[in-house]
Amino acid sequence: MDEALALHREIGVADFHVDTLLWHRIFRYRIDRRHRAGVRGQPFLWHADFPRMKDAGYRAACMGVHYWPIECDAAWREAMRQIDALDRIVARDPSVVRVRARGDWSRAREAGRLAIAPGVEGAHILGGRLDRVAELGRRGVAYLTLAHFSRNRAASPTLGLGANEVDPLTPFGRDLVAELERAGVLVDVAHVNMPGVLDACSRAKRPVLCSHIGMRAVHPHARNLTDEAARAIAGTGGVIGILASSTFLAGSRRADSSAVVAHVEHAVRVAGVRHVAIGTDYDGMIPIPSDQRDCRDLARVTAGLLARGFGRDDLALVLRENALRILTD
């Protein structure tokens, strides 16, 4: 753990998906204040805040923006309120940078500050309006997930309302991929069914992101990615963020950080080390590995990768460089 934490602080960690903003909206949980660690395997929340993220060596993170699985104008208004709330929180903390342009990621790192941007989960938030994508770009949204836990006008999920493994993207979804690329917002296929993932990759002109996911070949859960889909994402130059949910990764709340290690290893074998990153889903209503209490224990995953023979250069790619490459491309 000492060696892993030292590497985190030297290399820096970029996490594609942290859901702490959700709890700020529900309970006014203070993201900018230090909280105590929860119990091991703590489900749902209490996994992260800016001070603990900095302790863990975080240099960059995307904060999830959510709404109930309903396609309506209220979803758009709530998403904008959540982004406004994130802006206010970051404005209070001089050690944090709210990323609004691609160069901000690098500038924050050079200044030794934590870089933060929102990532929106689910195209249902658009309410069927492509013109809203430009506003996401203007607000500095890092990515839009094409589906969350419900079918919408763009795509079907792999788990949730209307989930299936048959339907590709809709015509609206195909137009949405092009519009997101024009606006400089990454296309995210986490939660999307496998036909939709393959369809998005076949149409993309820029790298495709899968922000927080596991690998089905390691554990056959619907929430996880097939090898075929992983190779398709890599084929776009994209990146797969491995999450930290013990149930999605191993089917048991008793699973420890070795489950995350196994999924990272497999993703690297299938997609290549330049296409794998971290997207923990901390605070995302998930049980985290049984040997973790909060985001500082992500170092247990790094320690496991070190034990499995990962060198410093490969760890730098997985922990930070691959994420920043497509965020700044």
C-alpha atoms as a PDB file:
ATOM      1  CA  MET A   1       0.000   0.000   0.000  1.00  0.00           C
ATOM      2  CA  ASP A   2       2.833   2.433   0.781  1.00  0.00           C
ATOM      3  CA  GLU A   3       4.404   1.894  -2.634  1.00  0.00           C
ATOM      4  CA  ALA A   4       1.003   2.144  -4.349  1.00  0.00           C
ATOM      5  CA  LEU A   5       0.079   5.386  -2.555  1.00  0.00           C
ATOM      6  CA  ALA A   6       3.479   6.845  -3.400  1.00  0.00           C
ATOM      7  CA  LEU A   7       2.854   5.979  -7.061  1.00  0.00           C
ATOM      8  CA  HIS A   8      -0.576   7.613  -6.930  1.00  0.00           C
ATOM      9  CA  ARG A   9       0.911  10.815  -5.620  1.00  0.00           C
ATOM     10  CA  GLU A  10       3.751  10.736  -8.129  1.00  0.00           C
ATOM     11  CA  ILE A  11       1.743   9.719 -11.207  1.00  0.00           C
ATOM     12  CA  GLY A  12      -1.663  11.113 -10.280  1.00  0.00           C
ATOM     13  CA  VAL A  13      -5.068   9.430 -10.646  1.00  0.00           C
ATOM     14  CA  ALA A  14      -7.784  10.365 -13.148  1.00  0.00           C
ATOM     15  CA  ASP A  15     -11.179   8.808 -12.273  1.00  0.00           C
ATOM     16  CA  PHE A  16     -13.798   8.851 -15.017  1.00  0.00           C
ATOM     17  CA  HIS A  17     -16.802   8.483 -12.724  1.00  0.00           C
ATOM     18  CA  VAL A  18     -17.452   9.642  -9.149  1.00  0.00           C
ATOM     19  CA  ASP A  19     -21.100  10.092  -8.116  1.00  0.00           C
ATOM     20  CA  THR A  20     -20.695  12.256  -5.009  1.00  0.00           C
ATOM     21  CA  LEU A  21     -22.644  15.135  -6.558  1.00  0.00           C
ATOM     22  CA  LEU A  22     -25.782  12.962  -6.312  1.00  0.00           C
ATOM     23  CA  TRP A  23     -25.568  12.969  -2.514  1.00  0.00           C
ATOM     24  CA  HIS A  24     -24.953  16.695  -2.417  1.00  0.00           C
ATOM     25  CA  ARG A  25     -28.250  17.185  -4.249  1.00  0.00           C
ATOM     26  CA  ILE A  26     -30.170  14.753  -2.006  1.00  0.00           C
ATOM     27  CA  PHE A  27     -28.605  15.336   1.427  1.00  0.00           C
ATOM     28  CA  ARG A  28     -26.425  18.455   0.957  1.00  0.00           C
ATOM     29  CA  TYR A  29     -23.366  16.257   1.483  1.00  0.00           C
ATOM     30  CA  ARG A  30     -20.373  18.614   1.403  1.00  0.00           C
ATOM     31  CA  ILE A  31     -18.036  17.460  -1.357  1.00  0.00           C
ATOM     32  CA  ASP A  32     -15.489  20.121  -0.439  1.00  0.00           C
ATOM     33  CA  ARG A  33     -15.202  18.995   3.208  1.00  0.00           C
ATOM     34  CA  ARG A  34     -13.397  15.991   4.621  1.00  0.00           C
ATOM     35  CA  HIS A  35     -15.613  13.172   5.885  1.00  0.00           C
ATOM     36  CA  ARG A  36     -14.630  10.136   7.882  1.00  0.00           C
ATOM     37  CA  ALA A  37     -14.220   6.837   6.083  1.00  0.00           C
ATOM     38  CA  GLY A  38     -17.142   4.418   6.147  1.00  0.00           C
ATOM     39  CA  VAL A  39     -17.009   0.757   7.074  1.00  0.00           C
ATOM     40  CA  ARG A  40     -15.321  -1.722   4.761  1.00  0.00           C
ATOM     41  CA  GLY A  41     -17.403  -2.410   1.677  1.00  0.00           C
ATOM     42  CA  GLN A  42     -19.628   0.576   2.534  1.00  0.00           C
ATOM     43  CA  PRO A  43     -22.542   0.561   0.056  1.00  0.00           C
ATOM     44  CA  PHE A  44     -24.132   3.569  -1.632  1.00  0.00           C
ATOM     45  CA  LEU A  45     -22.119   6.570  -0.404  1.00  0.00           C
ATOM     46  CA  TRP A  46     -19.467   8.101   1.872  1.00  0.00           C
ATOM     47  CA  HIS A  47     -16.731   7.059  -0.532  1.00  0.00           C
ATOM     48  CA  ALA A  48     -15.316  10.402  -1.649  1.00  0.00           C
ATOM     49  CA  ASP A  49     -14.864  14.115  -1.148  1.00  0.00           C
ATOM     50  CA  PHE A  50     -12.274  16.533  -2.527  1.00  0.00           C
ATOM     51  CA  PRO A  51      -9.879  16.337   0.501  1.00  0.00           C
ATOM     52  CA  ARG A  52      -9.846  12.527   0.526  1.00  0.00           C
ATOM     53  CA  MET A  53      -9.519  12.396  -3.259  1.00  0.00           C
ATOM     54  CA  LYS A  54      -6.417  14.580  -2.983  1.00  0.00           C
ATOM     55  CA  ASP A  55      -5.078  12.309  -0.209  1.00  0.00           C
ATOM     56  CA  ALA A  56      -5.511   9.393  -2.608  1.00  0.00           C
ATOM     57  CA  GLY A  57      -3.424  11.098  -5.297  1.00  0.00           C
ATOM     58  CA  TYR A  58      -6.347  12.160  -7.495  1.00  0.00           C
ATOM     59  CA  ARG A  59      -5.451  14.819 -10.059  1.00  0.00           C
ATOM     60  CA  ALA A  60      -8.630  14.646 -12.148  1.00  0.00           C
ATOM     61  CA  ALA A  61     -12.171  13.317 -11.889  1.00  0.00           C
ATOM     62  CA  CYS A  62     -15.523  13.472 -13.655  1.00  0.00           C
ATOM     63  CA  MET A  63     -18.530  13.924 -11.371  1.00  0.00           C
ATOM     64  CA  GLY A  64     -21.755  12.183 -12.398  1.00  0.00           C
ATOM     65  CA  VAL A  65     -24.902  14.196 -13.188  1.00  0.00           C
ATOM     66  CA  HIS A  66     -28.192  12.255 -12.906  1.00  0.00           C
ATOM     67  CA  TYR A  67     -31.957  12.273 -13.109  1.00  0.00           C
ATOM     68  CA  TRP A  68     -34.667   9.651 -12.587  1.00  0.00           C
ATOM     69  CA  PRO A  69     -35.071   7.337 -15.634  1.00  0.00           C
ATOM     70  CA  ILE A  70     -37.699   9.578 -17.235  1.00  0.00           C
ATOM     71  CA  GLU A  71     -37.318  11.489 -20.503  1.00  0.00           C
ATOM     72  CA  CYS A  72     -38.728  14.960 -19.830  1.00  0.00           C
ATOM     73  CA  ASP A  73     -37.842  18.659 -19.654  1.00  0.00           C
ATOM     74  CA  ALA A  74     -37.568  18.402 -15.860  1.00  0.00           C
ATOM     75  CA  ALA A  75     -34.574  16.109 -16.394  1.00  0.00           C
ATOM     76  CA  TRP A  76     -32.771  18.810 -18.354  1.00  0.00           C
ATOM     77  CA  ARG A  77     -33.521  21.477 -15.758  1.00  0.00           C
ATOM     78  CA  GLU A  78     -32.266  19.267 -12.933  1.00  0.00           C
ATOM     79  CA  ALA A  79     -29.087  18.410 -14.851  1.00  0.00           C
ATOM     80  CA  MET A  80     -28.363  22.121 -15.273  1.00  0.00           C
ATOM     81  CA  ARG A  81     -28.994  22.687 -11.551  1.00  0.00           C
ATOM     82  CA  GLN A  82     -26.520  19.936 -10.684  1.00  0.00           C
ATOM     83  CA  ILE A  83     -23.872  21.494 -12.919  1.00  0.00           C
ATOM     84  CA  ASP A  84     -24.588  24.879 -11.321  1.00  0.00           C
ATOM     85  CA  ALA A  85     -24.144  23.279  -7.889  1.00  0.00           C
ATOM     86  CA  LEU A  86     -20.809  21.771  -8.932  1.00  0.00           C
ATOM     87  CA  ASP A  87     -19.662  25.187 -10.174  1.00  0.00           C
ATOM     88  CA  ARG A  88     -20.499  26.756  -6.800  1.00  0.00           C
ATOM     89  CA  ILE A  89     -18.736  24.005  -4.837  1.00  0.00           C
ATOM     90  CA  VAL A  90     -15.555  24.266  -6.904  1.00  0.00           C
ATOM     91  CA  ALA A  91     -15.581  28.066  -6.699  1.00  0.00           C
ATOM     92  CA  ARG A  92     -15.237  27.797  -2.896  1.00  0.00           C
ATOM     93  CA  ASP A  93     -12.080  25.647  -3.081  1.00  0.00           C
ATOM     94  CA  PRO A  94      -8.919  27.255  -4.509  1.00  0.00           C
ATOM     95  CA  SER A  95      -7.217  23.850  -4.708  1.00  0.00           C
ATOM     96  CA  VAL A  96      -9.753  22.627  -7.306  1.00  0.00           C
ATOM     97  CA  VAL A  97     -10.175  23.673 -10.946  1.00  0.00           C
ATOM     98  CA  ARG A  98     -13.506  23.450 -12.757  1.00  0.00           C
ATOM     99  CA  VAL A  99     -12.532  22.239 -16.235  1.00  0.00           C
ATOM    100  CA  ARG A 100     -14.301  24.142 -19.021  1.00  0.00           C
ATOM    101  CA  ALA A 101     -11.882  23.642 -21.915  1.00  0.00           C
ATOM    102  CA  ARG A 102      -9.567  20.777 -22.876  1.00  0.00           C
ATOM    103  CA  GLY A 103      -6.424  22.643 -21.858  1.00  0.00           C
ATOM    104  CA  ASP A 104      -7.716  23.068 -18.296  1.00  0.00           C
ATOM    105  CA  TRP A 105      -6.879  19.441 -17.487  1.00  0.00           C
ATOM    106  CA  SER A 106      -3.176  20.030 -18.145  1.00  0.00           C
ATOM    107  CA  ARG A 107      -3.132  23.487 -16.574  1.00  0.00           C
ATOM    108  CA  ALA A 108      -4.634  22.112 -13.355  1.00  0.00           C
ATOM    109  CA  ARG A 109      -2.006  19.385 -13.184  1.00  0.00           C
ATOM    110  CA  GLU A 110       0.839  21.846 -13.723  1.00  0.00           C
ATOM    111  CA  ALA A 111      -0.570  23.982 -10.898  1.00  0.00           C
ATOM    112  CA  GLY A 112      -0.902  20.980  -8.566  1.00  0.00           C
ATOM    113  CA  ARG A 113      -4.698  21.364  -8.377  1.00  0.00           C
ATOM    114  CA  LEU A 114      -7.505  18.813  -8.659  1.00  0.00           C
ATOM    115  CA  ALA A 115      -9.304  19.072 -12.033  1.00  0.00           C
ATOM    116  CA  ILE A 116     -13.065  18.447 -11.981  1.00  0.00           C
ATOM    117  CA  ALA A 117     -15.682  18.279 -14.761  1.00  0.00           C
ATOM    118  CA  PRO A 118     -19.260  16.953 -14.922  1.00  0.00           C
ATOM    119  CA  GLY A 119     -20.229  13.833 -16.855  1.00  0.00           C
ATOM    120  CA  VAL A 120     -23.926  13.392 -17.655  1.00  0.00           C
ATOM    121  CA  GLU A 121     -25.477   9.916 -17.319  1.00  0.00           C
ATOM    122  CA  GLY A 122     -28.245   9.175 -19.787  1.00  0.00           C
ATOM    123  CA  ALA A 123     -29.440  10.839 -22.995  1.00  0.00           C
ATOM    124  CA  HIS A 124     -32.954  10.939 -21.483  1.00  0.00           C
ATOM    125  CA  ILE A 125     -31.747  14.190 -19.888  1.00  0.00           C
ATOM    126  CA  LEU A 126     -31.886  15.837 -23.339  1.00  0.00           C
ATOM    127  CA  GLY A 127     -35.653  15.327 -23.587  1.00  0.00           C
ATOM    128  CA  GLY A 128     -35.254  14.340 -27.248  1.00  0.00           C
ATOM    129  CA  ARG A 129     -33.605  17.646 -28.229  1.00  0.00           C
ATOM    130  CA  LEU A 130     -30.307  17.569 -30.101  1.00  0.00           C
ATOM    131  CA  ASP A 131     -29.950  21.346 -29.809  1.00  0.00           C
ATOM    132  CA  ARG A 132     -29.190  20.905 -26.102  1.00  0.00           C
ATOM    133  CA  VAL A 133     -25.924  19.113 -26.868  1.00  0.00           C
ATOM    134  CA  ALA A 134     -24.230  22.401 -27.731  1.00  0.00           C
ATOM    135  CA  GLU A 135     -25.083  23.686 -24.247  1.00  0.00           C
ATOM    136  CA  LEU A 136     -23.397  20.624 -22.719  1.00  0.00           C
ATOM    137  CA  GLY A 137     -20.272  21.564 -24.650  1.00  0.00           C
ATOM    138  CA  ARG A 138     -20.475  25.179 -23.477  1.00  0.00           C
ATOM    139  CA  ARG A 139     -20.884  24.030 -19.858  1.00  0.00           C
ATOM    140  CA  GLY A 140     -17.698  21.939 -20.047  1.00  0.00           C
ATOM    141  CA  VAL A 141     -19.420  18.547 -19.771  1.00  0.00           C
ATOM    142  CA  ALA A 142     -16.806  15.826 -20.313  1.00  0.00           C
ATOM    143  CA  TYR A 143     -19.164  13.140 -21.633  1.00  0.00           C
ATOM    144  CA  LEU A 144     -22.775  12.095 -22.142  1.00  0.00           C
ATOM    145  CA  THR A 145     -23.738   8.463 -21.501  1.00  0.00           C
ATOM    146  CA  LEU A 146     -26.144   7.389 -24.261  1.00  0.00           C
ATOM    147  CA  ALA A 147     -28.350   5.446 -21.817  1.00  0.00           C
ATOM    148  CA  HIS A 148     -28.538   5.011 -18.055  1.00  0.00           C
ATOM    149  CA  PHE A 149     -31.148   2.738 -16.428  1.00  0.00           C
ATOM    150  CA  SER A 150     -33.923   3.257 -18.978  1.00  0.00           C
ATOM    151  CA  ARG A 151     -34.532   3.099 -22.710  1.00  0.00           C
ATOM    152  CA  ASN A 152     -34.625   6.553 -24.288  1.00  0.00           C
ATOM    153  CA  ARG A 153     -34.863   8.034 -27.773  1.00  0.00           C
ATOM    154  CA  ALA A 154     -31.179   7.335 -28.397  1.00  0.00           C
ATOM    155  CA  ALA A 155     -30.350   3.900 -26.988  1.00  0.00           C
ATOM    156  CA  SER A 156     -31.362   0.915 -24.866  1.00  0.00           C
ATOM    157  CA  PRO A 157     -29.623   0.021 -21.607  1.00  0.00           C
ATOM    158  CA  THR A 158     -28.063  -3.287 -20.729  1.00  0.00           C
ATOM    159  CA  LEU A 159     -29.824  -3.214 -17.344  1.00  0.00           C
ATOM    160  CA  GLY A 160     -33.030  -1.399 -16.316  1.00  0.00           C
ATOM    161  CA  LEU A 161     -36.282  -0.274 -17.949  1.00  0.00           C
ATOM    162  CA  GLY A 162     -36.470  -1.456 -21.556  1.00  0.00           C
ATOM    163  CA  ALA A 163     -33.134  -3.278 -21.310  1.00  0.00           C
ATOM    164  CA  ASN A 164     -32.342  -5.694 -24.126  1.00  0.00           C
ATOM    165  CA  GLU A 165     -29.449  -7.063 -26.154  1.00  0.00           C
ATOM    166  CA  VAL A 166     -31.140  -6.665 -29.531  1.00  0.00           C
ATOM    167  CA  ASP A 167     -31.632  -3.009 -30.449  1.00  0.00           C
ATOM    168  CA  PRO A 168     -28.824  -0.873 -31.883  1.00  0.00           C
ATOM    169  CA  LEU A 169     -28.895   2.904 -31.587  1.00  0.00           C
ATOM    170  CA  THR A 170     -32.002   4.624 -32.885  1.00  0.00           C
ATOM    171  CA  PRO A 171     -31.759   7.154 -35.747  1.00  0.00           C
ATOM    172  CA  PHE A 172     -31.853   9.847 -33.043  1.00  0.00           C
ATOM    173  CA  GLY A 173     -29.001   8.066 -31.232  1.00  0.00           C
ATOM    174  CA  ARG A 174     -26.878   7.979 -34.382  1.00  0.00           C
ATOM    175  CA  ASP A 175     -27.451  11.687 -34.910  1.00  0.00           C
ATOM    176  CA  LEU A 176     -26.603  12.235 -31.244  1.00  0.00           C
ATOM    177  CA  VAL A 177     -23.184  10.568 -31.661  1.00  0.00           C
ATOM    178  CA  ALA A 178     -22.335  13.011 -34.457  1.00  0.00           C
ATOM    179  CA  GLU A 179     -23.678  15.996 -32.498  1.00  0.00           C
ATOM    180  CA  LEU A 180     -21.682  15.111 -29.383  1.00  0.00           C
ATOM    181  CA  GLU A 181     -18.513  14.866 -31.434  1.00  0.00           C
ATOM    182  CA  ARG A 182     -19.207  18.278 -32.984  1.00  0.00           C
ATOM    183  CA  ALA A 183     -19.709  19.781 -29.517  1.00  0.00           C
ATOM    184  CA  GLY A 184     -16.504  18.259 -28.098  1.00  0.00           C
ATOM    185  CA  VAL A 185     -18.395  16.036 -25.635  1.00  0.00           C
ATOM    186  CA  LEU A 186     -17.215  12.426 -25.404  1.00  0.00           C
ATOM    187  CA  VAL A 187     -19.659   9.684 -26.415  1.00  0.00           C
ATOM    188  CA  ASP A 188     -19.963   7.383 -23.384  1.00  0.00           C
ATOM    189  CA  VAL A 189     -21.351   3.860 -23.804  1.00  0.00           C
ATOM    190  CA  ALA A 190     -21.362   2.701 -20.171  1.00  0.00           C
ATOM    191  CA  HIS A 191     -24.818   1.199 -19.404  1.00  0.00           C
ATOM    192  CA  VAL A 192     -25.579   0.844 -23.149  1.00  0.00           C
ATOM    193  CA  ASN A 193     -26.498  -2.584 -24.529  1.00  0.00           C
ATOM    194  CA  MET A 194     -23.876  -4.323 -26.645  1.00  0.00           C
ATOM    195  CA  PRO A 195     -25.582  -3.723 -30.045  1.00  0.00           C
ATOM    196  CA  GLY A 196     -25.708  -0.042 -29.133  1.00  0.00           C
ATOM    197  CA  VAL A 197     -22.027  -0.020 -28.135  1.00  0.00           C
ATOM    198  CA  LEU A 198     -20.998  -1.620 -31.419  1.00  0.00           C
ATOM    199  CA  ASP A 199     -23.248   0.749 -33.398  1.00  0.00           C
ATOM    200  CA  ALA A 200     -21.796   3.810 -31.657  1.00  0.00           C
ATOM    201  CA  CYS A 201     -18.243   2.613 -32.299  1.00  0.00           C
ATOM    202  CA  SER A 202     -18.937   1.938 -35.968  1.00  0.00           C
ATOM    203  CA  ARG A 203     -20.204   5.505 -36.449  1.00  0.00           C
ATOM    204  CA  ALA A 204     -17.768   7.399 -34.252  1.00  0.00           C
ATOM    205  CA  LYS A 205     -15.096   9.592 -35.811  1.00  0.00           C
ATOM    206  CA  ARG A 206     -13.456  10.295 -32.445  1.00  0.00           C
ATOM    207  CA  PRO A 207     -12.538   8.107 -29.448  1.00  0.00           C
ATOM    208  CA  VAL A 208     -15.460   6.465 -27.642  1.00  0.00           C
ATOM    209  CA  LEU A 209     -15.495   6.272 -23.849  1.00  0.00           C
ATOM    210  CA  CYS A 210     -16.920   3.573 -21.601  1.00  0.00           C
ATOM    211  CA  SER A 211     -16.643   5.451 -18.325  1.00  0.00           C
ATOM    212  CA  HIS A 212     -17.394   2.796 -15.659  1.00  0.00           C
ATOM    213  CA  ILE A 213     -17.829  -0.885 -16.463  1.00  0.00           C
ATOM    214  CA  GLY A 214     -16.558  -4.431 -15.854  1.00  0.00           C
ATOM    215  CA  MET A 215     -15.720  -7.289 -18.233  1.00  0.00           C
ATOM    216  CA  ARG A 216     -18.210 -10.107 -18.899  1.00  0.00           C
ATOM    217  CA  ALA A 217     -15.474 -12.638 -19.561  1.00  0.00           C
ATOM    218  CA  VAL A 218     -14.375 -12.234 -15.922  1.00  0.00           C
ATOM    219  CA  HIS A 219     -17.883 -12.116 -14.456  1.00  0.00           C
ATOM    220  CA  PRO A 220     -20.983 -12.614 -16.671  1.00  0.00           C
ATOM    221  CA  HIS A 221     -23.111  -9.728 -15.378  1.00  0.00           C
ATOM    222  CA  ALA A 222     -25.358  -7.757 -17.755  1.00  0.00           C
ATOM    223  CA  ARG A 223     -23.712  -4.529 -16.581  1.00  0.00           C
ATOM    224  CA  ASN A 224     -20.341  -5.652 -17.958  1.00  0.00           C
ATOM    225  CA  LEU A 225     -18.731  -5.346 -21.379  1.00  0.00           C
ATOM    226  CA  THR A 226     -18.128  -8.140 -23.893  1.00  0.00           C
ATOM    227  CA  ASP A 227     -14.666  -8.643 -25.365  1.00  0.00           C
ATOM    228  CA  GLU A 228     -16.038  -7.769 -28.818  1.00  0.00           C
ATOM    229  CA  ALA A 229     -17.340  -4.443 -27.530  1.00  0.00           C
ATOM    230  CA  ALA A 230     -14.062  -3.740 -25.714  1.00  0.00           C
ATOM    231  CA  ARG A 231     -12.105  -4.264 -28.926  1.00  0.00           C
ATOM    232  CA  ALA A 232     -14.533  -2.010 -30.804  1.00  0.00           C
ATOM    233  CA  ILE A 233     -14.011   0.801 -28.263  1.00  0.00           C
ATOM    234  CA  ALA A 234     -10.240   0.383 -28.524  1.00  0.00           C
ATOM    235  CA  GLY A 235     -10.572   0.482 -32.301  1.00  0.00           C
ATOM    236  CA  THR A 236     -11.883   4.052 -32.063  1.00  0.00           C
ATOM    237  CA  GLY A 237      -8.894   5.050 -29.931  1.00  0.00           C
ATOM    238  CA  GLY A 238     -11.214   5.062 -26.929  1.00  0.00           C
ATOM    239  CA  VAL A 239     -10.869   4.058 -23.297  1.00  0.00           C
ATOM    240  CA  ILE A 240     -12.621   1.638 -20.907  1.00  0.00           C
ATOM    241  CA  GLY A 241     -12.895   2.729 -17.261  1.00  0.00           C
ATOM    242  CA  ILE A 242     -13.046  -0.221 -14.830  1.00  0.00           C
ATOM    243  CA  LEU A 243     -15.396   0.354 -11.894  1.00  0.00           C
ATOM    244  CA  ALA A 244     -15.180  -0.689  -8.232  1.00  0.00           C
ATOM    245  CA  SER A 245     -18.493  -2.459  -7.648  1.00  0.00           C
ATOM    246  CA  SER A 246     -17.974  -5.805  -5.948  1.00  0.00           C
ATOM    247  CA  THR A 247     -21.370  -7.104  -7.095  1.00  0.00           C
ATOM    248  CA  PHE A 248     -20.925  -6.186 -10.777  1.00  0.00           C
ATOM    249  CA  LEU A 249     -17.342  -7.442 -10.819  1.00  0.00           C
ATOM    250  CA  ALA A 250     -17.709 -10.659  -8.827  1.00  0.00           C
ATOM    251  CA  GLY A 251     -21.348 -11.165  -7.865  1.00  0.00           C
ATOM    252  CA  SER A 252     -20.666 -10.838  -4.149  1.00  0.00           C
ATOM    253  CA  ARG A 253     -20.325  -8.036  -1.630  1.00  0.00           C
ATOM    254  CA  ARG A 254     -17.525 -10.075  -0.046  1.00  0.00           C
ATOM    255  CA  ALA A 255     -15.271  -9.640  -3.092  1.00  0.00           C
ATOM    256  CA  ASP A 256     -12.172  -7.556  -2.418  1.00  0.00           C
ATOM    257  CA  SER A 257      -9.971  -5.321  -4.586  1.00  0.00           C
ATOM    258  CA  SER A 258      -8.542  -8.356  -6.389  1.00  0.00           C
ATOM    259  CA  ALA A 259     -11.801  -8.381  -8.369  1.00  0.00           C
ATOM    260  CA  VAL A 260     -10.989  -4.935  -9.769  1.00  0.00           C
ATOM    261  CA  VAL A 261      -7.458  -6.128 -10.564  1.00  0.00           C
ATOM    262  CA  ALA A 262      -8.838  -9.125 -12.499  1.00  0.00           C
ATOM    263  CA  HIS A 263     -11.071  -6.911 -14.644  1.00  0.00           C
ATOM    264  CA  VAL A 264      -8.268  -4.431 -15.349  1.00  0.00           C
ATOM    265  CA  GLU A 265      -5.963  -7.293 -16.348  1.00  0.00           C
ATOM    266  CA  HIS A 266      -8.522  -8.792 -18.705  1.00  0.00           C
ATOM    267  CA  ALA A 267      -9.387  -5.443 -20.274  1.00  0.00           C
ATOM    268  CA  VAL A 268      -5.670  -4.843 -20.896  1.00  0.00           C
ATOM    269  CA  ARG A 269      -5.306  -8.267 -22.533  1.00  0.00           C
ATOM    270  CA  VAL A 270      -8.303  -7.706 -24.798  1.00  0.00           C
ATOM    271  CA  ALA A 271      -8.134  -3.993 -25.608  1.00  0.00           C
ATOM    272  CA  GLY A 272      -4.496  -3.103 -24.904  1.00  0.00           C
ATOM    273  CA  VAL A 273      -2.965  -1.151 -22.055  1.00  0.00           C
ATOM    274  CA  ARG A 274      -3.472   2.190 -23.861  1.00  0.00           C
ATOM    275  CA  HIS A 275      -7.241   1.703 -23.764  1.00  0.00           C
ATOM    276  CA  VAL A 276      -7.906   0.940 -20.083  1.00  0.00           C
ATOM    277  CA  ALA A 277      -8.484   3.423 -17.261  1.00  0.00           C
ATOM    278  CA  ILE A 278     -10.283   3.834 -13.943  1.00  0.00           C
ATOM    279  CA  GLY A 279     -13.939   4.805 -13.515  1.00  0.00           C
ATOM    280  CA  THR A 280     -14.676   3.732  -9.962  1.00  0.00           C
ATOM    281  CA  ASP A 281     -18.348   4.740  -9.599  1.00  0.00           C
ATOM    282  CA  TYR A 282     -17.600   5.663  -5.977  1.00  0.00           C
ATOM    283  CA  ASP A 283     -20.717   7.032  -4.244  1.00  0.00           C
ATOM    284  CA  GLY A 284     -22.771   5.491  -7.069  1.00  0.00           C
ATOM    285  CA  MET A 285     -25.140   3.433  -4.908  1.00  0.00           C
ATOM    286  CA  ILE A 286     -22.827   0.426  -5.173  1.00  0.00           C
ATOM    287  CA  PRO A 287     -21.072  -1.737  -2.578  1.00  0.00           C
ATOM    288  CA  ILE A 288     -17.356  -1.167  -2.981  1.00  0.00           C
ATOM    289  CA  PRO A 289     -14.806  -4.000  -2.507  1.00  0.00           C
ATOM    290  CA  SER A 290     -14.816  -5.516   0.960  1.00  0.00           C
ATOM    291  CA  ASP A 291     -11.275  -4.324   1.766  1.00  0.00           C
ATOM    292  CA  GLN A 292     -12.036  -0.697   0.822  1.00  0.00           C
ATOM    293  CA  ARG A 293     -13.499   2.040   2.986  1.00  0.00           C
ATOM    294  CA  ASP A 294     -13.243   5.024   0.640  1.00  0.00           C
ATOM    295  CA  CYS A 295     -11.446   6.403  -2.414  1.00  0.00           C
ATOM    296  CA  ARG A 296      -8.064   6.298  -0.656  1.00  0.00           C
ATOM    297  CA  ASP A 297      -8.251   2.497  -0.842  1.00  0.00           C
ATOM    298  CA  LEU A 298      -8.081   2.616  -4.629  1.00  0.00           C
ATOM    299  CA  ALA A 299      -4.375   2.157  -3.847  1.00  0.00           C
ATOM    300  CA  ARG A 300      -5.240  -1.463  -2.993  1.00  0.00           C
ATOM    301  CA  VAL A 301      -6.036  -1.989  -6.683  1.00  0.00           C
ATOM    302  CA  THR A 302      -2.725  -0.426  -7.667  1.00  0.00           C
ATOM    303  CA  ALA A 303      -0.925  -2.624  -5.129  1.00  0.00           C
ATOM    304  CA  GLY A 304      -2.611  -5.648  -6.691  1.00  0.00           C
ATOM    305  CA  LEU A 305      -1.541  -4.598 -10.179  1.00  0.00           C
ATOM    306  CA  LEU A 306       2.032  -4.115  -8.956  1.00  0.00           C
ATOM    307  CA  ALA A 307       1.943  -7.639  -7.519  1.00  0.00           C
ATOM    308  CA  ARG A 308       0.706  -8.948 -10.873  1.00  0.00           C
ATOM    309  CA  GLY A 309       3.706  -7.457 -12.662  1.00  0.00           C
ATOM    310  CA  PHE A 310       2.402  -4.123 -13.913  1.00  0.00           C
ATOM    311  CA  GLY A 311       5.278  -1.676 -14.259  1.00  0.00           C
ATOM    312  CA  ARG A 312       5.318   2.031 -13.586  1.00  0.00           C
ATOM    313  CA  ASP A 313       4.774   3.035 -17.230  1.00  0.00           C
ATOM    314  CA  ASP A 314       1.732   0.795 -17.664  1.00  0.00           C
ATOM    315  CA  LEU A 315       0.306   1.954 -14.332  1.00  0.00           C
ATOM    316  CA  ALA A 316       0.739   5.579 -15.425  1.00  0.00           C
ATOM    317  CA  LEU A 317      -1.315   4.794 -18.537  1.00  0.00           C
ATOM    318  CA  VAL A 318      -4.117   3.076 -16.613  1.00  0.00           C
ATOM    319  CA  LEU A 319      -4.241   5.478 -13.673  1.00  0.00           C
ATOM    320  CA  ARG A 320      -4.001   8.762 -15.564  1.00  0.00           C
ATOM    321  CA  GLU A 321      -2.574   9.049 -19.065  1.00  0.00           C
ATOM    322  CA  ASN A 322      -5.219   7.156 -21.030  1.00  0.00           C
ATOM    323  CA  ALA A 323      -8.016   9.185 -19.462  1.00  0.00           C
ATOM    324  CA  LEU A 324      -6.314  12.520 -20.011  1.00  0.00           C
ATOM    325  CA  ARG A 325      -5.465  11.603 -23.591  1.00  0.00           C
ATOM    326  CA  ILE A 326      -9.075  11.393 -24.690  1.00  0.00           C
ATOM    327  CA  LEU A 327     -10.239  14.205 -22.393  1.00  0.00           C
ATOM    328  CA  THR A 328      -7.710  16.574 -23.972  1.00  0.00           C
ATOM    329  CA  ASP A 329      -7.695  15.214 -27.563  1.00  0.00           C
END
